[in-house]
Amino acid sequence: MILWLKGVKFNVTTVDMTRKPEELKDLAPGTNPPFLIYNKELKTDFIKIEEFLEHTLAPPRYPHLSPKNKESFDVGCNLFAKFSAYIKNAQKEANKNFEKSLLKEFKRLDDYLNTPLLDEIDPDSAEELTVSRRLFLDGDQLTLADCSLLPKLNIIKVAAKKYRDFDIPGEFSGVWRYLHNAYAREEFTHTCPEDKEIENTYASVAKQKS
Protein backbone atom coordinates (compact mmCIF):
# COMPACT_ATOMS: atom_id res chain seq x y z
CA MET A 1 0.00 0.00 0.00
CA ILE A 2 2.85 2.39 0.82
CA LEU A 3 4.59 1.68 -2.49
CA TRP A 4 1.31 2.19 -4.37
CA LEU A 5 0.75 5.56 -2.69
CA LYS A 6 4.36 6.53 -3.42
CA GLY A 7 3.78 5.81 -7.11
CA VAL A 8 6.49 3.15 -7.27
CA LYS A 9 6.29 0.37 -9.84
CA PHE A 10 6.60 -3.02 -8.17
CA ASN A 11 5.92 -6.70 -8.70
CA VAL A 12 3.93 -8.91 -6.33
CA THR A 13 4.98 -12.52 -5.73
CA THR A 14 2.69 -14.52 -3.46
CA VAL A 15 4.21 -17.03 -1.06
CA ASP A 16 2.59 -20.04 0.59
CA MET A 17 3.80 -19.61 4.18
CA THR A 18 2.99 -23.23 5.00
CA ARG A 19 5.65 -24.28 2.51
CA LYS A 20 8.30 -21.60 2.48
CA PRO A 21 10.45 -21.66 -0.66
CA GLU A 22 14.18 -22.11 -0.19
CA GLU A 23 14.82 -18.64 -1.61
CA LEU A 24 12.83 -17.10 1.25
CA LYS A 25 14.68 -19.17 3.84
CA ASP A 26 17.99 -18.02 2.38
CA LEU A 27 16.99 -14.34 2.21
CA ALA A 28 15.68 -14.05 5.76
CA PRO A 29 16.10 -17.25 7.74
CA GLY A 30 13.65 -17.55 10.62
CA THR A 31 11.75 -14.45 9.54
CA ASN A 32 8.17 -14.10 8.33
CA PRO A 33 7.06 -11.33 5.96
CA PRO A 34 7.02 -8.44 5.85
CA PHE A 35 10.74 -7.81 5.66
CA LEU A 36 12.96 -5.66 3.48
CA ILE A 37 16.48 -6.17 2.21
CA TYR A 38 18.40 -3.16 0.87
CA ASN A 39 22.13 -3.20 0.16
CA LYS A 40 22.29 -6.56 1.95
CA GLU A 41 20.81 -5.04 5.11
CA LEU A 42 17.76 -6.86 6.47
CA LYS A 43 14.88 -4.97 8.08
CA THR A 44 12.15 -7.02 9.76
CA ASP A 45 10.35 -4.45 11.93
CA PHE A 46 7.33 -3.01 10.11
CA ILE A 47 7.80 0.44 11.63
CA LYS A 48 11.45 0.49 10.59
CA ILE A 49 10.44 -0.55 7.07
CA GLU A 50 7.91 2.30 6.92
CA GLU A 51 10.50 4.79 8.13
CA PHE A 52 13.02 3.54 5.59
CA LEU A 53 10.57 3.83 2.68
CA GLU A 54 9.48 7.31 3.76
CA HIS A 55 13.08 8.49 4.05
CA THR A 56 14.34 6.80 0.86
CA LEU A 57 11.35 7.43 -1.42
CA ALA A 58 11.20 11.13 -0.64
CA PRO A 59 10.14 14.36 -2.39
CA PRO A 60 10.42 15.78 -4.93
CA ARG A 61 10.18 12.51 -6.84
CA TYR A 62 7.89 10.74 -4.37
CA PRO A 63 5.13 12.16 -2.14
CA HIS A 64 5.54 12.68 1.58
CA LEU A 65 3.24 10.28 3.51
CA SER A 66 3.96 11.04 7.16
CA PRO A 67 0.90 12.41 9.01
CA LYS A 68 0.94 15.97 10.33
CA ASN A 69 -0.64 15.00 13.64
CA LYS A 70 1.10 12.53 15.96
CA GLU A 71 -2.22 11.33 17.37
CA SER A 72 -3.19 10.06 13.92
CA PHE A 73 -0.51 7.40 14.47
CA ASP A 74 -1.24 6.84 18.15
CA VAL A 75 -5.03 6.61 18.20
CA GLY A 76 -5.32 3.04 16.92
CA CYS A 77 -2.15 1.63 18.42
CA ASN A 78 -3.92 -0.63 20.97
CA LEU A 79 -6.81 -1.74 18.79
CA PHE A 80 -5.22 -4.83 17.28
CA ALA A 81 -3.85 -6.03 20.63
CA LYS A 82 -7.35 -5.84 22.13
CA PHE A 83 -8.74 -7.73 19.14
CA SER A 84 -6.06 -10.43 19.47
CA ALA A 85 -6.89 -10.97 23.13
CA TYR A 86 -10.61 -11.10 22.25
CA ILE A 87 -10.26 -13.60 19.42
CA LYS A 88 -7.92 -15.88 21.40
CA ASN A 89 -10.07 -15.97 24.52
CA ALA A 90 -11.56 -19.42 25.16
CA GLN A 91 -13.46 -18.65 28.36
CA LYS A 92 -17.09 -17.78 27.77
CA GLU A 93 -17.47 -15.88 31.04
CA ALA A 94 -14.53 -13.61 30.15
CA ASN A 95 -15.77 -12.81 26.66
CA LYS A 96 -17.76 -9.72 27.68
CA ASN A 97 -14.73 -8.13 29.31
CA PHE A 98 -12.54 -8.71 26.26
CA GLU A 99 -15.28 -7.34 23.99
CA LYS A 100 -15.69 -4.33 26.27
CA SER A 101 -11.96 -3.57 26.01
CA LEU A 102 -12.13 -3.82 22.22
CA LEU A 103 -15.16 -1.53 22.06
CA LYS A 104 -13.36 1.00 24.26
CA GLU A 105 -10.58 1.24 21.67
CA PHE A 106 -13.12 1.56 18.86
CA LYS A 107 -14.77 4.40 20.81
CA ARG A 108 -11.41 6.15 21.15
CA LEU A 109 -10.83 5.84 17.40
CA ASP A 110 -14.37 6.99 16.63
CA ASP A 111 -14.02 10.07 18.83
CA TYR A 112 -10.79 11.02 17.08
CA LEU A 113 -12.26 10.56 13.61
CA ASN A 114 -15.30 12.66 14.49
CA THR A 115 -13.31 15.47 16.14
CA PRO A 116 -12.31 18.16 13.61
CA LEU A 117 -8.58 18.65 13.15
CA LEU A 118 -7.20 22.16 13.55
CA ASP A 119 -6.79 22.65 9.80
CA GLU A 120 -10.49 21.81 9.30
CA ILE A 121 -11.58 24.73 11.46
CA ASP A 122 -11.99 28.08 9.72
CA PRO A 123 -11.88 30.86 12.33
CA ASP A 124 -13.50 33.28 9.85
CA SER A 125 -16.47 31.02 9.12
CA ALA A 126 -19.83 31.70 10.72
CA GLU A 127 -20.54 27.97 10.65
CA GLU A 128 -19.15 25.99 13.57
CA LEU A 129 -17.81 22.60 12.50
CA THR A 130 -18.73 20.18 15.28
CA VAL A 131 -18.13 16.87 13.45
CA SER A 132 -15.15 16.22 11.21
CA ARG A 133 -15.75 15.72 7.50
CA ARG A 134 -12.27 14.44 6.69
CA LEU A 135 -11.87 11.21 4.74
CA PHE A 136 -9.01 9.59 6.62
CA LEU A 137 -7.10 9.70 9.91
CA ASP A 138 -5.02 12.79 9.21
CA GLY A 139 -7.07 14.57 6.57
CA ASP A 140 -8.33 13.88 3.06
CA GLN A 141 -5.17 12.08 1.92
CA LEU A 142 -3.99 8.62 2.92
CA THR A 143 -0.86 8.66 5.09
CA LEU A 144 1.43 6.15 6.80
CA ALA A 145 -0.99 6.16 9.73
CA ASP A 146 -3.70 4.77 7.45
CA CYS A 147 -1.30 2.25 5.92
CA SER A 148 -0.71 0.92 9.41
CA LEU A 149 -4.28 0.94 10.76
CA LEU A 150 -6.53 0.10 7.80
CA PRO A 151 -5.21 -3.45 7.15
CA LYS A 152 -5.70 -4.20 10.86
CA LEU A 153 -9.24 -2.80 10.82
CA ASN A 154 -10.06 -4.96 7.82
CA ILE A 155 -8.76 -8.08 9.59
CA ILE A 156 -10.75 -7.24 12.72
CA LYS A 157 -13.94 -6.65 10.72
CA VAL A 158 -13.65 -9.98 8.89
CA ALA A 159 -12.26 -12.30 11.59
CA ALA A 160 -14.33 -10.97 14.50
CA LYS A 161 -17.52 -11.37 12.46
CA LYS A 162 -16.60 -14.91 11.39
CA TYR A 163 -15.50 -16.26 14.76
CA ARG A 164 -17.25 -14.04 17.33
CA ASP A 165 -20.27 -12.79 15.37
CA PHE A 166 -19.01 -9.31 16.23
CA ASP A 167 -19.90 -6.30 14.11
CA ILE A 168 -18.41 -2.86 14.52
CA PRO A 169 -21.36 -0.98 16.05
CA GLY A 170 -23.20 1.31 13.66
CA GLU A 171 -23.10 4.07 16.28
CA PHE A 172 -19.39 4.48 15.53
CA SER A 173 -20.15 6.75 12.59
CA GLY A 174 -16.58 8.03 12.34
CA VAL A 175 -15.14 4.54 12.03
CA TRP A 176 -17.67 3.55 9.38
CA ARG A 177 -17.13 6.77 7.41
CA TYR A 178 -13.42 6.04 7.52
CA LEU A 179 -13.86 2.45 6.34
CA HIS A 180 -16.25 3.40 3.52
CA ASN A 181 -13.78 6.01 2.27
CA ALA A 182 -10.93 3.51 2.48
CA TYR A 183 -12.80 0.78 0.58
CA ALA A 184 -13.37 3.31 -2.20
CA ARG A 185 -9.60 3.53 -2.76
CA GLU A 186 -7.90 0.92 -4.91
CA GLU A 187 -4.60 1.44 -3.08
CA PHE A 188 -6.30 -0.19 -0.10
CA THR A 189 -8.70 -2.70 -1.63
CA HIS A 190 -6.14 -4.06 -4.11
CA THR A 191 -3.61 -4.70 -1.34
CA CYS A 192 -6.02 -6.39 1.10
CA PRO A 193 -6.08 -10.18 1.38
CA GLU A 194 -9.29 -11.95 0.43
CA ASP A 195 -11.77 -12.38 3.28
CA LYS A 196 -11.44 -16.16 3.00
CA GLU A 197 -7.69 -15.91 3.44
CA ILE A 198 -8.17 -13.93 6.65
CA GLU A 199 -10.72 -16.45 7.90
CA ASN A 200 -8.39 -19.35 7.17
CA THR A 201 -5.51 -17.61 8.92
CA TYR A 202 -7.54 -17.08 12.09
CA ALA A 203 -9.23 -20.49 12.08
CA SER A 204 -6.49 -21.93 14.28
CA VAL A 205 -6.13 -18.76 16.34
CA ALA A 206 -9.76 -18.24 17.33
CA LYS A 207 -10.50 -20.26 20.44
CA GLN A 208 -13.81 -22.01 20.92
CA LYS A 209 -15.48 -20.57 24.02
CA SER A 210 -16.27 -23.07 26.74
C-alpha atoms as a PDB file:
ATOM      1  CA  MET A   1       0.000   0.000   0.000  1.00  0.00           C
ATOM      2  CA  ILE A   2       2.854   2.386   0.817  1.00  0.00           C
ATOM      3  CA  LEU A   3       4.587   1.680  -2.490  1.00  0.00           C
ATOM      4  CA  TRP A   4       1.314   2.192  -4.375  1.00  0.00           C
ATOM      5  CA  LEU A   5       0.754   5.560  -2.691  1.00  0.00           C
ATOM      6  CA  LYS A   6       4.356   6.527  -3.422  1.00  0.00           C
ATOM      7  CA  GLY A   7       3.776   5.812  -7.107  1.00  0.00           C
ATOM      8  CA  VAL A   8       6.491   3.154  -7.269  1.00  0.00           C
ATOM      9  CA  LYS A   9       6.290   0.370  -9.841  1.00  0.00           C
ATOM     10  CA  PHE A  10       6.597  -3.017  -8.166  1.00  0.00           C
ATOM     11  CA  ASN A  11       5.921  -6.702  -8.699  1.00  0.00           C
ATOM     12  CA  VAL A  12       3.931  -8.914  -6.328  1.00  0.00           C
ATOM     13  CA  THR A  13       4.976 -12.516  -5.734  1.00  0.00           C
ATOM     14  CA  THR A  14       2.691 -14.517  -3.462  1.00  0.00           C
ATOM     15  CA  VAL A  15       4.212 -17.028  -1.055  1.00  0.00           C
ATOM     16  CA  ASP A  16       2.594 -20.042   0.593  1.00  0.00           C
ATOM     17  CA  MET A  17       3.801 -19.606   4.176  1.00  0.00           C
ATOM     18  CA  THR A  18       2.988 -23.226   5.003  1.00  0.00           C
ATOM     19  CA  ARG A  19       5.651 -24.284   2.506  1.00  0.00           C
ATOM     20  CA  LYS A  20       8.302 -21.601   2.482  1.00  0.00           C
ATOM     21  CA  PRO A  21      10.453 -21.657  -0.662  1.00  0.00           C
ATOM     22  CA  GLU A  22      14.178 -22.113  -0.186  1.00  0.00           C
ATOM     23  CA  GLU A  23      14.816 -18.636  -1.606  1.00  0.00           C
ATOM     24  CA  LEU A  24      12.834 -17.101   1.253  1.00  0.00           C
ATOM     25  CA  LYS A  25      14.681 -19.168   3.836  1.00  0.00           C
ATOM     26  CA  ASP A  26      17.990 -18.019   2.382  1.00  0.00           C
ATOM     27  CA  LEU A  27      16.992 -14.344   2.208  1.00  0.00           C
ATOM     28  CA  ALA A  28      15.677 -14.047   5.756  1.00  0.00           C
ATOM     29  CA  PRO A  29      16.099 -17.252   7.743  1.00  0.00           C
ATOM     30  CA  GLY A  30      13.651 -17.554  10.625  1.00  0.00           C
ATOM     31  CA  THR A  31      11.748 -14.453   9.536  1.00  0.00           C
ATOM     32  CA  ASN A  32       8.172 -14.104   8.330  1.00  0.00           C
ATOM     33  CA  PRO A  33       7.058 -11.326   5.963  1.00  0.00           C
ATOM     34  CA  PRO A  34       7.019  -8.436   5.851  1.00  0.00           C
ATOM     35  CA  PHE A  35      10.736  -7.811   5.655  1.00  0.00           C
ATOM     36  CA  LEU A  36      12.961  -5.661   3.477  1.00  0.00           C
ATOM     37  CA  ILE A  37      16.482  -6.174   2.205  1.00  0.00           C
ATOM     38  CA  TYR A  38      18.396  -3.162   0.869  1.00  0.00           C
ATOM     39  CA  ASN A  39      22.134  -3.197   0.163  1.00  0.00           C
ATOM     40  CA  LYS A  40      22.293  -6.565   1.949  1.00  0.00           C
ATOM     41  CA  GLU A  41      20.815  -5.036   5.112  1.00  0.00           C
ATOM     42  CA  LEU A  42      17.758  -6.861   6.473  1.00  0.00           C
ATOM     43  CA  LYS A  43      14.881  -4.965   8.080  1.00  0.00           C
ATOM     44  CA  THR A  44      12.155  -7.021   9.761  1.00  0.00           C
ATOM     45  CA  ASP A  45      10.350  -4.455  11.929  1.00  0.00           C
ATOM     46  CA  PHE A  46       7.333  -3.013  10.111  1.00  0.00           C
ATOM     47  CA  ILE A  47       7.795   0.444  11.633  1.00  0.00           C
ATOM     48  CA  LYS A  48      11.455   0.489  10.588  1.00  0.00           C
ATOM     49  CA  ILE A  49      10.445  -0.553   7.072  1.00  0.00           C
ATOM     50  CA  GLU A  50       7.910   2.298   6.917  1.00  0.00           C
ATOM     51  CA  GLU A  51      10.499   4.792   8.131  1.00  0.00           C
ATOM     52  CA  PHE A  52      13.023   3.544   5.587  1.00  0.00           C
ATOM     53  CA  LEU A  53      10.570   3.826   2.684  1.00  0.00           C
ATOM     54  CA  GLU A  54       9.477   7.313   3.765  1.00  0.00           C
ATOM     55  CA  HIS A  55      13.084   8.487   4.048  1.00  0.00           C
ATOM     56  CA  THR A  56      14.336   6.802   0.863  1.00  0.00           C
ATOM     57  CA  LEU A  57      11.349   7.434  -1.416  1.00  0.00           C
ATOM     58  CA  ALA A  58      11.199  11.135  -0.637  1.00  0.00           C
ATOM     59  CA  PRO A  59      10.144  14.355  -2.389  1.00  0.00           C
ATOM     60  CA  PRO A  60      10.418  15.778  -4.932  1.00  0.00           C
ATOM     61  CA  ARG A  61      10.175  12.506  -6.840  1.00  0.00           C
ATOM     62  CA  TYR A  62       7.889  10.736  -4.368  1.00  0.00           C
ATOM     63  CA  PRO A  63       5.134  12.162  -2.136  1.00  0.00           C
ATOM     64  CA  HIS A  64       5.537  12.682   1.585  1.00  0.00           C
ATOM     65  CA  LEU A  65       3.240  10.278   3.511  1.00  0.00           C
ATOM     66  CA  SER A  66       3.959  11.044   7.164  1.00  0.00           C
ATOM     67  CA  PRO A  67       0.903  12.409   9.013  1.00  0.00           C
ATOM     68  CA  LYS A  68       0.935  15.968  10.333  1.00  0.00           C
ATOM     69  CA  ASN A  69      -0.644  14.996  13.644  1.00  0.00           C
ATOM     70  CA  LYS A  70       1.098  12.534  15.962  1.00  0.00           C
ATOM     71  CA  GLU A  71      -2.224  11.328  17.373  1.00  0.00           C
ATOM     72  CA  SER A  72      -3.185  10.055  13.923  1.00  0.00           C
ATOM     73  CA  PHE A  73      -0.513   7.404  14.467  1.00  0.00           C
ATOM     74  CA  ASP A  74      -1.240   6.836  18.148  1.00  0.00           C
ATOM     75  CA  VAL A  75      -5.031   6.605  18.197  1.00  0.00           C
ATOM     76  CA  GLY A  76      -5.315   3.036  16.918  1.00  0.00           C
ATOM     77  CA  CYS A  77      -2.146   1.626  18.424  1.00  0.00           C
ATOM     78  CA  ASN A  78      -3.916  -0.629  20.969  1.00  0.00           C
ATOM     79  CA  LEU A  79      -6.814  -1.738  18.793  1.00  0.00           C
ATOM     80  CA  PHE A  80      -5.219  -4.830  17.277  1.00  0.00           C
ATOM     81  CA  ALA A  81      -3.849  -6.027  20.630  1.00  0.00           C
ATOM     82  CA  LYS A  82      -7.350  -5.839  22.134  1.00  0.00           C
ATOM     83  CA  PHE A  83      -8.735  -7.732  19.141  1.00  0.00           C
ATOM     84  CA  SER A  84      -6.055 -10.429  19.466  1.00  0.00           C
ATOM     85  CA  ALA A  85      -6.893 -10.968  23.132  1.00  0.00           C
ATOM     86  CA  TYR A  86     -10.605 -11.098  22.254  1.00  0.00           C
ATOM     87  CA  ILE A  87     -10.263 -13.600  19.416  1.00  0.00           C
ATOM     88  CA  LYS A  88      -7.916 -15.877  21.398  1.00  0.00           C
ATOM     89  CA  ASN A  89     -10.065 -15.973  24.517  1.00  0.00           C
ATOM     90  CA  ALA A  90     -11.556 -19.420  25.158  1.00  0.00           C
ATOM     91  CA  GLN A  91     -13.460 -18.654  28.359  1.00  0.00           C
ATOM     92  CA  LYS A  92     -17.095 -17.780  27.769  1.00  0.00           C
ATOM     93  CA  GLU A  93     -17.469 -15.877  31.039  1.00  0.00           C
ATOM     94  CA  ALA A  94     -14.530 -13.615  30.151  1.00  0.00           C
ATOM     95  CA  ASN A  95     -15.774 -12.807  26.662  1.00  0.00           C
ATOM     96  CA  LYS A  96     -17.757  -9.717  27.676  1.00  0.00           C
ATOM     97  CA  ASN A  97     -14.731  -8.127  29.314  1.00  0.00           C
ATOM     98  CA  PHE A  98     -12.543  -8.712  26.257  1.00  0.00           C
ATOM     99  CA  GLU A  99     -15.275  -7.340  23.992  1.00  0.00           C
ATOM    100  CA  LYS A 100     -15.694  -4.328  26.269  1.00  0.00           C
ATOM    101  CA  SER A 101     -11.963  -3.572  26.012  1.00  0.00           C
ATOM    102  CA  LEU A 102     -12.127  -3.824  22.223  1.00  0.00           C
ATOM    103  CA  LEU A 103     -15.156  -1.528  22.064  1.00  0.00           C
ATOM    104  CA  LYS A 104     -13.359   0.999  24.261  1.00  0.00           C
ATOM    105  CA  GLU A 105     -10.575   1.236  21.671  1.00  0.00           C
ATOM    106  CA  PHE A 106     -13.120   1.563  18.859  1.00  0.00           C
ATOM    107  CA  LYS A 107     -14.766   4.401  20.808  1.00  0.00           C
ATOM    108  CA  ARG A 108     -11.409   6.148  21.153  1.00  0.00           C
ATOM    109  CA  LEU A 109     -10.832   5.842  17.400  1.00  0.00           C
ATOM    110  CA  ASP A 110     -14.369   6.994  16.628  1.00  0.00           C
ATOM    111  CA  ASP A 111     -14.019  10.067  18.835  1.00  0.00           C
ATOM    112  CA  TYR A 112     -10.789  11.020  17.078  1.00  0.00           C
ATOM    113  CA  LEU A 113     -12.256  10.562  13.606  1.00  0.00           C
ATOM    114  CA  ASN A 114     -15.297  12.663  14.490  1.00  0.00           C
ATOM    115  CA  THR A 115     -13.311  15.468  16.137  1.00  0.00           C
ATOM    116  CA  PRO A 116     -12.309  18.165  13.608  1.00  0.00           C
ATOM    117  CA  LEU A 117      -8.579  18.655  13.152  1.00  0.00           C
ATOM    118  CA  LEU A 118      -7.198  22.164  13.548  1.00  0.00           C
ATOM    119  CA  ASP A 119      -6.794  22.653   9.804  1.00  0.00           C
ATOM    120  CA  GLU A 120     -10.494  21.805   9.305  1.00  0.00           C
ATOM    121  CA  ILE A 121     -11.583  24.727  11.465  1.00  0.00           C
ATOM    122  CA  ASP A 122     -11.994  28.077   9.719  1.00  0.00           C
ATOM    123  CA  PRO A 123     -11.883  30.864  12.329  1.00  0.00           C
ATOM    124  CA  ASP A 124     -13.497  33.278   9.852  1.00  0.00           C
ATOM    125  CA  SER A 125     -16.466  31.019   9.122  1.00  0.00           C
ATOM    126  CA  ALA A 126     -19.833  31.696  10.716  1.00  0.00           C
ATOM    127  CA  GLU A 127     -20.542  27.971  10.651  1.00  0.00           C
ATOM    128  CA  GLU A 128     -19.153  25.990  13.571  1.00  0.00           C
ATOM    129  CA  LEU A 129     -17.808  22.603  12.499  1.00  0.00           C
ATOM    130  CA  THR A 130     -18.725  20.175  15.283  1.00  0.00           C
ATOM    131  CA  VAL A 131     -18.128  16.874  13.451  1.00  0.00           C
ATOM    132  CA  SER A 132     -15.146  16.219  11.208  1.00  0.00           C
ATOM    133  CA  ARG A 133     -15.752  15.717   7.499  1.00  0.00           C
ATOM    134  CA  ARG A 134     -12.273  14.441   6.687  1.00  0.00           C
ATOM    135  CA  LEU A 135     -11.868  11.213   4.735  1.00  0.00           C
ATOM    136  CA  PHE A 136      -9.006   9.593   6.622  1.00  0.00           C
ATOM    137  CA  LEU A 137      -7.096   9.700   9.911  1.00  0.00           C
ATOM    138  CA  ASP A 138      -5.023  12.794   9.209  1.00  0.00           C
ATOM    139  CA  GLY A 139      -7.074  14.572   6.571  1.00  0.00           C
ATOM    140  CA  ASP A 140      -8.325  13.881   3.062  1.00  0.00           C
ATOM    141  CA  GLN A 141      -5.168  12.083   1.922  1.00  0.00           C
ATOM    142  CA  LEU A 142      -3.990   8.619   2.923  1.00  0.00           C
ATOM    143  CA  THR A 143      -0.858   8.659   5.089  1.00  0.00           C
ATOM    144  CA  LEU A 144       1.429   6.147   6.797  1.00  0.00           C
ATOM    145  CA  ALA A 145      -0.992   6.162   9.731  1.00  0.00           C
ATOM    146  CA  ASP A 146      -3.700   4.766   7.447  1.00  0.00           C
ATOM    147  CA  CYS A 147      -1.297   2.253   5.917  1.00  0.00           C
ATOM    148  CA  SER A 148      -0.713   0.916   9.414  1.00  0.00           C
ATOM    149  CA  LEU A 149      -4.278   0.939  10.758  1.00  0.00           C
ATOM    150  CA  LEU A 150      -6.526   0.102   7.795  1.00  0.00           C
ATOM    151  CA  PRO A 151      -5.207  -3.449   7.149  1.00  0.00           C
ATOM    152  CA  LYS A 152      -5.701  -4.203  10.857  1.00  0.00           C
ATOM    153  CA  LEU A 153      -9.236  -2.804  10.817  1.00  0.00           C
ATOM    154  CA  ASN A 154     -10.057  -4.965   7.823  1.00  0.00           C
ATOM    155  CA  ILE A 155      -8.761  -8.084   9.589  1.00  0.00           C
ATOM    156  CA  ILE A 156     -10.751  -7.236  12.721  1.00  0.00           C
ATOM    157  CA  LYS A 157     -13.939  -6.653  10.724  1.00  0.00           C
ATOM    158  CA  VAL A 158     -13.647  -9.981   8.895  1.00  0.00           C
ATOM    159  CA  ALA A 159     -12.260 -12.296  11.592  1.00  0.00           C
ATOM    160  CA  ALA A 160     -14.331 -10.965  14.496  1.00  0.00           C
ATOM    161  CA  LYS A 161     -17.520 -11.374  12.460  1.00  0.00           C
ATOM    162  CA  LYS A 162     -16.603 -14.908  11.390  1.00  0.00           C
ATOM    163  CA  TYR A 163     -15.496 -16.261  14.765  1.00  0.00           C
ATOM    164  CA  ARG A 164     -17.254 -14.042  17.333  1.00  0.00           C
ATOM    165  CA  ASP A 165     -20.272 -12.787  15.372  1.00  0.00           C
ATOM    166  CA  PHE A 166     -19.006  -9.309  16.227  1.00  0.00           C
ATOM    167  CA  ASP A 167     -19.897  -6.298  14.110  1.00  0.00           C
ATOM    168  CA  ILE A 168     -18.405  -2.858  14.521  1.00  0.00           C
ATOM    169  CA  PRO A 169     -21.363  -0.983  16.050  1.00  0.00           C
ATOM    170  CA  GLY A 170     -23.201   1.309  13.660  1.00  0.00           C
ATOM    171  CA  GLU A 171     -23.096   4.070  16.277  1.00  0.00           C
ATOM    172  CA  PHE A 172     -19.388   4.476  15.531  1.00  0.00           C
ATOM    173  CA  SER A 173     -20.148   6.746  12.585  1.00  0.00           C
ATOM    174  CA  GLY A 174     -16.581   8.030  12.340  1.00  0.00           C
ATOM    175  CA  VAL A 175     -15.143   4.537  12.031  1.00  0.00           C
ATOM    176  CA  TRP A 176     -17.673   3.553   9.382  1.00  0.00           C
ATOM    177  CA  ARG A 177     -17.129   6.774   7.415  1.00  0.00           C
ATOM    178  CA  TYR A 178     -13.418   6.039   7.522  1.00  0.00           C
ATOM    179  CA  LEU A 179     -13.864   2.448   6.335  1.00  0.00           C
ATOM    180  CA  HIS A 180     -16.253   3.397   3.523  1.00  0.00           C
ATOM    181  CA  ASN A 181     -13.783   6.013   2.270  1.00  0.00           C
ATOM    182  CA  ALA A 182     -10.927   3.507   2.475  1.00  0.00           C
ATOM    183  CA  TYR A 183     -12.802   0.780   0.580  1.00  0.00           C
ATOM    184  CA  ALA A 184     -13.371   3.312  -2.200  1.00  0.00           C
ATOM    185  CA  ARG A 185      -9.599   3.527  -2.762  1.00  0.00           C
ATOM    186  CA  GLU A 186      -7.898   0.916  -4.907  1.00  0.00           C
ATOM    187  CA  GLU A 187      -4.599   1.438  -3.080  1.00  0.00           C
ATOM    188  CA  PHE A 188      -6.300  -0.190  -0.100  1.00  0.00           C
ATOM    189  CA  THR A 189      -8.697  -2.703  -1.632  1.00  0.00           C
ATOM    190  CA  HIS A 190      -6.142  -4.063  -4.108  1.00  0.00           C
ATOM    191  CA  THR A 191      -3.609  -4.699  -1.340  1.00  0.00           C
ATOM    192  CA  CYS A 192      -6.019  -6.387   1.097  1.00  0.00           C
ATOM    193  CA  PRO A 193      -6.082 -10.183   1.385  1.00  0.00           C
ATOM    194  CA  GLU A 194      -9.291 -11.950   0.427  1.00  0.00           C
ATOM    195  CA  ASP A 195     -11.771 -12.383   3.282  1.00  0.00           C
ATOM    196  CA  LYS A 196     -11.440 -16.163   3.000  1.00  0.00           C
ATOM    197  CA  GLU A 197      -7.685 -15.908   3.442  1.00  0.00           C
ATOM    198  CA  ILE A 198      -8.171 -13.926   6.654  1.00  0.00           C
ATOM    199  CA  GLU A 199     -10.725 -16.448   7.904  1.00  0.00           C
ATOM    200  CA  ASN A 200      -8.389 -19.352   7.169  1.00  0.00           C
ATOM    201  CA  THR A 201      -5.508 -17.611   8.920  1.00  0.00           C
ATOM    202  CA  TYR A 202      -7.536 -17.083  12.086  1.00  0.00           C
ATOM    203  CA  ALA A 203      -9.229 -20.488  12.077  1.00  0.00           C
ATOM    204  CA  SER A 204      -6.489 -21.934  14.278  1.00  0.00           C
ATOM    205  CA  VAL A 205      -6.133 -18.757  16.344  1.00  0.00           C
ATOM    206  CA  ALA A 206      -9.764 -18.236  17.327  1.00  0.00           C
ATOM    207  CA  LYS A 207     -10.502 -20.256  20.436  1.00  0.00           C
ATOM    208  CA  GLN A 208     -13.808 -22.006  20.917  1.00  0.00           C
ATOM    209  CA  LYS A 209     -15.482 -20.568  24.021  1.00  0.00           C
ATOM    210  CA  SER A 210     -16.270 -23.069  26.743  1.00  0.00           C
END
